[in-house]
Amino acid sequence: MTDQPIPDSPFGNAAAHDPFQAAKASALKAAEELRAATTQKAQELRSAAESKASQLRAAAEQRAADLRERAEEYRDYAGQAFSDARTRCADLRTEAENFAREKPMQAILTAFGVGLFVGLLLRK
């Protein structure tokens, strides 16, 4: 047998219209279109993911800057509060020393009473 079509064939040129070859070509074309669409969609998703990551990174950096600023404010506030407490403690100590020098008997009796009261509270 030869691959040449028979000229008297009622079906004409069978090799030119082979359904298997036509289906194969159609499938290859569809596969190539699918591959191209998949590649394009992957690039779109990658671009969207990079954009979202960039937005999240910027938001995180802004939040971190805000937190650093607030921490600095709290540090300043804590430093001021500590300084105020230290000053007040020094003032109270000076006042207690002056009271003890002016009225020594009353200071001793007050200290004894406070010590007795604290001792009773701790005992129970």
N, C-alpha and C. Protein backbone atom coordinates (compact mmCIF):
# COMPACT_ATOMS: atom_id res chain seq x y z
N MET A 1 0.82 -1.17 0.00
CA MET A 1 0.00 0.00 0.00
C MET A 1 0.87 1.24 0.00
N THR A 2 0.36 2.25 -0.57
CA THR A 2 1.09 3.50 -0.66
C THR A 2 0.33 4.57 0.09
N ASP A 3 1.07 5.60 0.42
CA ASP A 3 0.44 6.72 1.11
C ASP A 3 -0.26 7.65 0.15
N GLN A 4 -0.09 7.41 -1.12
CA GLN A 4 -0.74 8.24 -2.12
C GLN A 4 -2.22 7.89 -2.20
N PRO A 5 -3.08 8.88 -2.21
CA PRO A 5 -4.50 8.57 -2.32
C PRO A 5 -4.83 8.06 -3.71
N ILE A 6 -5.80 7.29 -3.75
CA ILE A 6 -6.26 6.74 -5.03
C ILE A 6 -7.08 7.83 -5.69
N PRO A 7 -6.71 8.18 -6.95
CA PRO A 7 -7.40 9.29 -7.58
C PRO A 7 -8.87 9.03 -7.80
N ASP A 8 -9.24 7.80 -7.91
CA ASP A 8 -10.64 7.49 -8.18
C ASP A 8 -11.44 7.31 -6.89
N SER A 9 -10.85 7.60 -5.77
CA SER A 9 -11.52 7.38 -4.50
C SER A 9 -12.68 8.36 -4.35
N PRO A 10 -13.81 7.86 -3.91
CA PRO A 10 -14.95 8.75 -3.74
C PRO A 10 -14.78 9.68 -2.53
N PHE A 11 -13.84 9.37 -1.65
CA PHE A 11 -13.62 10.20 -0.45
C PHE A 11 -12.61 11.30 -0.67
N GLY A 12 -11.97 11.36 -1.76
CA GLY A 12 -11.00 12.39 -2.07
C GLY A 12 -9.70 12.13 -1.36
N ASN A 13 -9.01 13.17 -0.96
CA ASN A 13 -7.70 13.08 -0.31
C ASN A 13 -7.92 12.80 1.18
N ALA A 14 -7.76 11.59 1.63
CA ALA A 14 -8.01 11.18 3.01
C ALA A 14 -6.93 11.70 3.96
N ALA A 15 -5.69 11.84 3.47
CA ALA A 15 -4.60 12.28 4.34
C ALA A 15 -4.76 13.74 4.72
N ALA A 16 -5.33 14.55 3.88
CA ALA A 16 -5.49 15.98 4.16
C ALA A 16 -6.55 16.21 5.22
N HIS A 17 -7.51 15.32 5.32
CA HIS A 17 -8.60 15.51 6.27
C HIS A 17 -8.62 14.41 7.33
N ASP A 18 -7.47 14.01 7.79
CA ASP A 18 -7.39 12.97 8.82
C ASP A 18 -7.95 13.53 10.13
N PRO A 19 -9.01 12.96 10.69
CA PRO A 19 -9.62 13.50 11.92
C PRO A 19 -8.69 13.39 13.12
N PHE A 20 -7.85 12.39 13.17
CA PHE A 20 -6.91 12.24 14.28
C PHE A 20 -5.90 13.40 14.28
N GLN A 21 -5.37 13.70 13.11
CA GLN A 21 -4.40 14.80 13.00
C GLN A 21 -5.06 16.14 13.33
N ALA A 22 -6.29 16.32 12.89
CA ALA A 22 -7.01 17.57 13.17
C ALA A 22 -7.27 17.70 14.67
N ALA A 23 -7.65 16.62 15.33
CA ALA A 23 -7.90 16.64 16.78
C ALA A 23 -6.60 16.89 17.53
N LYS A 24 -5.52 16.28 17.06
CA LYS A 24 -4.21 16.47 17.70
C LYS A 24 -3.78 17.92 17.58
N ALA A 25 -3.93 18.50 16.41
CA ALA A 25 -3.56 19.90 16.20
C ALA A 25 -4.41 20.81 17.06
N SER A 26 -5.71 20.49 17.14
CA SER A 26 -6.61 21.29 17.96
C SER A 26 -6.24 21.18 19.43
N ALA A 27 -5.90 20.00 19.89
CA ALA A 27 -5.50 19.80 21.28
C ALA A 27 -4.20 20.53 21.58
N LEU A 28 -3.25 20.46 20.67
CA LEU A 28 -1.98 21.18 20.87
C LEU A 28 -2.20 22.69 20.95
N LYS A 29 -3.08 23.18 20.06
CA LYS A 29 -3.39 24.61 20.06
C LYS A 29 -4.08 25.01 21.37
N ALA A 30 -5.02 24.18 21.83
CA ALA A 30 -5.71 24.45 23.10
C ALA A 30 -4.73 24.40 24.27
N ALA A 31 -3.81 23.44 24.24
CA ALA A 31 -2.81 23.32 25.31
C ALA A 31 -1.90 24.55 25.33
N GLU A 32 -1.51 25.01 24.15
CA GLU A 32 -0.66 26.20 24.07
C GLU A 32 -1.40 27.44 24.58
N GLU A 33 -2.68 27.56 24.22
CA GLU A 33 -3.48 28.69 24.70
C GLU A 33 -3.65 28.62 26.22
N LEU A 34 -3.87 27.41 26.73
CA LEU A 34 -4.00 27.22 28.18
C LEU A 34 -2.69 27.55 28.88
N ARG A 35 -1.57 27.13 28.31
CA ARG A 35 -0.26 27.44 28.89
C ARG A 35 -0.03 28.95 28.93
N ALA A 36 -0.39 29.63 27.84
CA ALA A 36 -0.23 31.09 27.78
C ALA A 36 -1.13 31.78 28.80
N ALA A 37 -2.38 31.32 28.90
CA ALA A 37 -3.32 31.90 29.86
C ALA A 37 -2.85 31.65 31.30
N THR A 38 -2.34 30.46 31.54
CA THR A 38 -1.83 30.13 32.88
C THR A 38 -0.62 30.99 33.23
N THR A 39 0.27 31.17 32.29
CA THR A 39 1.44 32.01 32.53
C THR A 39 1.02 33.45 32.81
N GLN A 40 0.06 33.95 32.03
CA GLN A 40 -0.41 35.32 32.23
C GLN A 40 -1.08 35.44 33.60
N LYS A 41 -1.91 34.48 33.97
CA LYS A 41 -2.60 34.53 35.27
C LYS A 41 -1.59 34.43 36.40
N ALA A 42 -0.57 33.60 36.25
CA ALA A 42 0.47 33.48 37.28
C ALA A 42 1.20 34.81 37.45
N GLN A 43 1.48 35.49 36.35
CA GLN A 43 2.14 36.79 36.44
C GLN A 43 1.23 37.81 37.12
N GLU A 44 -0.06 37.77 36.81
CA GLU A 44 -1.01 38.68 37.46
C GLU A 44 -1.08 38.41 38.95
N LEU A 45 -1.13 37.13 39.33
CA LEU A 45 -1.17 36.78 40.75
C LEU A 45 0.12 37.19 41.46
N ARG A 46 1.26 36.98 40.80
CA ARG A 46 2.53 37.37 41.38
C ARG A 46 2.57 38.88 41.59
N SER A 47 2.10 39.61 40.60
CA SER A 47 2.07 41.06 40.69
C SER A 47 1.14 41.52 41.82
N ALA A 48 -0.03 40.90 41.92
CA ALA A 48 -0.98 41.24 42.98
C ALA A 48 -0.40 40.91 44.35
N ALA A 49 0.28 39.77 44.46
CA ALA A 49 0.89 39.37 45.73
C ALA A 49 2.01 40.33 46.11
N GLU A 50 2.83 40.74 45.15
CA GLU A 50 3.90 41.69 45.44
C GLU A 50 3.32 43.03 45.87
N SER A 51 2.24 43.45 45.22
CA SER A 51 1.59 44.71 45.58
C SER A 51 1.03 44.64 46.99
N LYS A 52 0.35 43.54 47.31
CA LYS A 52 -0.22 43.38 48.66
C LYS A 52 0.89 43.30 49.70
N ALA A 53 1.97 42.60 49.39
CA ALA A 53 3.10 42.51 50.33
C ALA A 53 3.71 43.88 50.56
N SER A 54 3.80 44.66 49.52
CA SER A 54 4.33 46.02 49.64
C SER A 54 3.43 46.87 50.52
N GLN A 55 2.12 46.74 50.33
CA GLN A 55 1.18 47.49 51.15
C GLN A 55 1.27 47.06 52.61
N LEU A 56 1.34 45.75 52.85
CA LEU A 56 1.45 45.25 54.22
C LEU A 56 2.75 45.69 54.87
N ARG A 57 3.84 45.67 54.10
CA ARG A 57 5.13 46.11 54.62
C ARG A 57 5.07 47.59 55.02
N ALA A 58 4.46 48.41 54.15
CA ALA A 58 4.35 49.84 54.45
C ALA A 58 3.48 50.07 55.69
N ALA A 59 2.38 49.32 55.80
CA ALA A 59 1.51 49.46 56.97
C ALA A 59 2.24 49.02 58.24
N ALA A 60 3.00 47.94 58.15
CA ALA A 60 3.76 47.47 59.32
C ALA A 60 4.84 48.46 59.73
N GLU A 61 5.51 49.04 58.75
CA GLU A 61 6.54 50.04 59.06
C GLU A 61 5.91 51.27 59.71
N GLN A 62 4.74 51.68 59.23
CA GLN A 62 4.05 52.83 59.82
C GLN A 62 3.63 52.52 61.25
N ARG A 63 3.10 51.32 61.46
CA ARG A 63 2.68 50.92 62.81
C ARG A 63 3.88 50.84 63.75
N ALA A 64 4.99 50.33 63.27
CA ALA A 64 6.20 50.25 64.09
C ALA A 64 6.68 51.66 64.45
N ALA A 65 6.63 52.58 63.49
CA ALA A 65 7.03 53.96 63.77
C ALA A 65 6.12 54.59 64.81
N ASP A 66 4.82 54.32 64.70
CA ASP A 66 3.86 54.84 65.69
C ASP A 66 4.14 54.28 67.08
N LEU A 67 4.43 52.98 67.13
CA LEU A 67 4.72 52.35 68.42
C LEU A 67 6.02 52.89 69.02
N ARG A 68 7.03 53.12 68.18
CA ARG A 68 8.27 53.69 68.69
C ARG A 68 8.03 55.09 69.26
N GLU A 69 7.21 55.85 68.56
CA GLU A 69 6.90 57.20 69.03
C GLU A 69 6.16 57.17 70.36
N ARG A 70 5.18 56.27 70.46
CA ARG A 70 4.43 56.15 71.72
C ARG A 70 5.35 55.66 72.84
N ALA A 71 6.24 54.72 72.54
CA ALA A 71 7.17 54.23 73.56
C ALA A 71 8.08 55.36 74.05
N GLU A 72 8.48 56.22 73.12
CA GLU A 72 9.31 57.37 73.51
C GLU A 72 8.53 58.30 74.43
N GLU A 73 7.25 58.52 74.11
CA GLU A 73 6.41 59.37 74.96
C GLU A 73 6.27 58.76 76.35
N TYR A 74 6.02 57.43 76.40
CA TYR A 74 5.87 56.77 77.69
C TYR A 74 7.18 56.79 78.48
N ARG A 75 8.29 56.65 77.78
CA ARG A 75 9.58 56.70 78.46
C ARG A 75 9.79 58.08 79.07
N ASP A 76 9.45 59.11 78.31
CA ASP A 76 9.56 60.46 78.85
C ASP A 76 8.63 60.65 80.05
N TYR A 77 7.40 60.14 79.93
CA TYR A 77 6.45 60.25 81.04
C TYR A 77 6.95 59.49 82.26
N ALA A 78 7.45 58.28 82.05
CA ALA A 78 7.96 57.48 83.17
C ALA A 78 9.16 58.16 83.82
N GLY A 79 10.03 58.72 83.00
CA GLY A 79 11.18 59.43 83.56
C GLY A 79 10.75 60.64 84.39
N GLN A 80 9.75 61.36 83.89
CA GLN A 80 9.25 62.51 84.65
C GLN A 80 8.57 62.06 85.94
N ALA A 81 7.77 61.00 85.87
CA ALA A 81 7.10 60.49 87.06
C ALA A 81 8.12 60.00 88.09
N PHE A 82 9.17 59.33 87.64
CA PHE A 82 10.21 58.86 88.56
C PHE A 82 10.93 60.03 89.21
N SER A 83 11.21 61.03 88.42
CA SER A 83 11.87 62.23 88.95
C SER A 83 10.99 62.92 89.98
N ASP A 84 9.70 63.03 89.68
CA ASP A 84 8.76 63.65 90.62
C ASP A 84 8.66 62.84 91.91
N ALA A 85 8.62 61.50 91.79
CA ALA A 85 8.54 60.64 92.97
C ALA A 85 9.80 60.76 93.81
N ARG A 86 10.95 60.84 93.16
CA ARG A 86 12.21 61.00 93.89
C ARG A 86 12.23 62.33 94.65
N THR A 87 11.78 63.38 94.00
CA THR A 87 11.74 64.69 94.64
C THR A 87 10.78 64.68 95.83
N ARG A 88 9.60 64.08 95.63
CA ARG A 88 8.61 64.03 96.71
C ARG A 88 9.13 63.20 97.88
N CYS A 89 9.80 62.09 97.59
CA CYS A 89 10.37 61.26 98.66
C CYS A 89 11.41 62.04 99.46
N ALA A 90 12.26 62.78 98.75
CA ALA A 90 13.28 63.60 99.44
C ALA A 90 12.61 64.67 100.30
N ASP A 91 11.53 65.27 99.78
CA ASP A 91 10.82 66.28 100.55
C ASP A 91 10.18 65.68 101.79
N LEU A 92 9.57 64.51 101.66
CA LEU A 92 8.95 63.84 102.82
C LEU A 92 9.99 63.44 103.86
N ARG A 93 11.13 62.98 103.39
CA ARG A 93 12.20 62.61 104.33
C ARG A 93 12.70 63.83 105.09
N THR A 94 12.88 64.92 104.39
CA THR A 94 13.32 66.16 105.03
C THR A 94 12.28 66.64 106.03
N GLU A 95 11.01 66.55 105.64
CA GLU A 95 9.93 66.97 106.54
C GLU A 95 9.88 66.08 107.78
N ALA A 96 10.07 64.76 107.61
CA ALA A 96 10.08 63.82 108.74
C ALA A 96 11.26 64.10 109.66
N GLU A 97 12.41 64.40 109.09
CA GLU A 97 13.58 64.74 109.92
C GLU A 97 13.33 66.01 110.71
N ASN A 98 12.75 67.01 110.08
CA ASN A 98 12.45 68.26 110.79
C ASN A 98 11.43 68.03 111.90
N PHE A 99 10.40 67.21 111.64
CA PHE A 99 9.40 66.90 112.65
C PHE A 99 10.05 66.17 113.83
N ALA A 100 10.93 65.22 113.53
CA ALA A 100 11.59 64.46 114.60
C ALA A 100 12.50 65.36 115.43
N ARG A 101 13.11 66.36 114.83
CA ARG A 101 13.98 67.28 115.58
C ARG A 101 13.16 68.26 116.42
N GLU A 102 12.03 68.69 115.90
CA GLU A 102 11.20 69.64 116.63
C GLU A 102 10.44 68.97 117.77
N LYS A 103 9.92 67.77 117.54
CA LYS A 103 9.10 67.07 118.54
C LYS A 103 9.58 65.62 118.65
N PRO A 104 10.68 65.37 119.33
CA PRO A 104 11.24 64.03 119.38
C PRO A 104 10.35 63.01 120.09
N MET A 105 9.71 63.42 121.19
CA MET A 105 8.88 62.47 121.94
C MET A 105 7.67 62.05 121.11
N GLN A 106 7.03 62.99 120.45
CA GLN A 106 5.87 62.67 119.63
C GLN A 106 6.28 61.78 118.45
N ALA A 107 7.46 62.01 117.90
CA ALA A 107 7.94 61.20 116.78
C ALA A 107 8.19 59.76 117.23
N ILE A 108 8.77 59.58 118.42
CA ILE A 108 9.05 58.23 118.92
C ILE A 108 7.75 57.49 119.21
N LEU A 109 6.79 58.17 119.85
CA LEU A 109 5.51 57.54 120.15
C LEU A 109 4.73 57.20 118.87
N THR A 110 4.81 58.07 117.88
CA THR A 110 4.14 57.80 116.60
C THR A 110 4.78 56.59 115.92
N ALA A 111 6.09 56.52 115.91
CA ALA A 111 6.79 55.39 115.29
C ALA A 111 6.46 54.10 116.04
N PHE A 112 6.39 54.17 117.38
CA PHE A 112 6.03 52.98 118.17
C PHE A 112 4.61 52.53 117.83
N GLY A 113 3.68 53.46 117.74
CA GLY A 113 2.28 53.13 117.44
C GLY A 113 2.14 52.53 116.05
N VAL A 114 2.81 53.11 115.09
CA VAL A 114 2.74 52.57 113.72
C VAL A 114 3.37 51.19 113.67
N GLY A 115 4.49 50.99 114.33
CA GLY A 115 5.13 49.67 114.36
C GLY A 115 4.26 48.64 115.03
N LEU A 116 3.60 49.00 116.12
CA LEU A 116 2.71 48.08 116.82
C LEU A 116 1.53 47.71 115.93
N PHE A 117 0.95 48.69 115.26
CA PHE A 117 -0.18 48.44 114.37
C PHE A 117 0.21 47.53 113.20
N VAL A 118 1.34 47.79 112.58
CA VAL A 118 1.80 46.95 111.46
C VAL A 118 2.10 45.55 111.95
N GLY A 119 2.70 45.43 113.13
CA GLY A 119 2.99 44.12 113.70
C GLY A 119 1.73 43.31 113.96
N LEU A 120 0.69 43.96 114.47
CA LEU A 120 -0.57 43.26 114.69
C LEU A 120 -1.23 42.82 113.37
N LEU A 121 -1.15 43.68 112.37
CA LEU A 121 -1.72 43.32 111.07
C LEU A 121 -0.99 42.14 110.45
N LEU A 122 0.32 42.12 110.54
CA LEU A 122 1.10 41.04 109.95
C LEU A 122 0.97 39.75 110.73
N ARG A 123 0.64 39.85 112.02
CA ARG A 123 0.54 38.68 112.86
C ARG A 123 -0.67 37.84 112.48
N LYS A 124 -1.75 38.49 112.08
CA LYS A 124 -2.98 37.76 111.75
C LYS A 124 -2.89 37.28 110.38
